[in-house]
Amino acid sequence: AAAARFADYFVVCGLDTETGLEPDELSGENFEQTPLRRTFKSKVLARYPENVEWNPFDQDAVGMLCMPKGLAFKTQADSREPQFHSFIITREDGSRTFGFSLTFFEEVTSKQICSAMQTLYHMHNAEYDILHTPPTNDKDSCSSTGDCNGTSVSKLQRFNSYDISRDTLYVSKCICLITPMSFMKACKKVLEQLHQAVTSPQPPPLPLESYIYNILYEVPLPPAGRSLKFSGVYGPIICQRPSTSELPLFDFPVKEVFELLGVENVVQLFTCALLEFQILLYSQ
């Protein structure tokens, strides 16, 4: 039944090696950026199950909200710590569904993608050298830069570069749970343990598919006023649902609001809310 399941979908988003590198127009493509700093289109690679009767799958919305900045590429020199975020999909009738995403980086194994990134760098560096190399007959520009060949500029430009012969290319990938209720902490633990199982040198006790099947089909929603404990890959996961006489479910750490905005801004924001001012939150 619709009210009985903890999660409706398990989703994987990332790089579609068949379509290759497509610029992400929605993110405001900037060709002056080095290719590693550009964003590319991500795709919904898989979802389980295919469709849920009471919660139709919105591929465009889920794909965009799972990876709002599109695909990101990095090399072994960059930090590649996993990042977690949540989102809400609100339908025209006002009903809501909740999403929880863990984005991590994995090595690109497709030679075509690595070659495409290398080609983008060759094109970018060639265009950059044409635009920034001073004219050979301009003595003032030579003396001011200290390098008539523009190598100092090129070195600066190629600092965040990619060389297929020496660098390892990584691309962002996302695993996501779509749920009827906002159990943020439990979903975060589920995704982190699944990611740990993938990256661990030792295989998990059971196949990964069995854990995904369990969270989708065998873990129920806790009744109002009750808590639920179920098994993750590496340990138990607990969530609690408020009763009808308590405040609605809010499973997010308020501490983060103060860390991001500061005490004075939070007080001002709360004052504006009480005075029913219009509030706009702007974020990257």
Foldseek 3Di string as FASTA:
>chain_A
DQQWAFFAKKWKKWDDVVVAWAFDVVLPADLLAQPQPGAGAMATPDMPPPADPVDGDDRVVCRCVQCVRHKHKAWPVDDWDKDKDKDWDADPVRAIKIKIKIKTKDFDPDPVNLVVSVVSNVVSLVVVQVVPQDDPPDVVVCVVVVHNSCVVVSCVNCVRPDDSVPIIMMMMMMIMTMGRDCQPVLRVVQVVLLVCQVPPPDHFPDDSVVQVCCNNPPHTDDPAQAKDWDAHRPGIGIDHAHHPPDDHDDNDDCVVVCVVQNDVRVVVVVVCVVVVHDDDDDDD
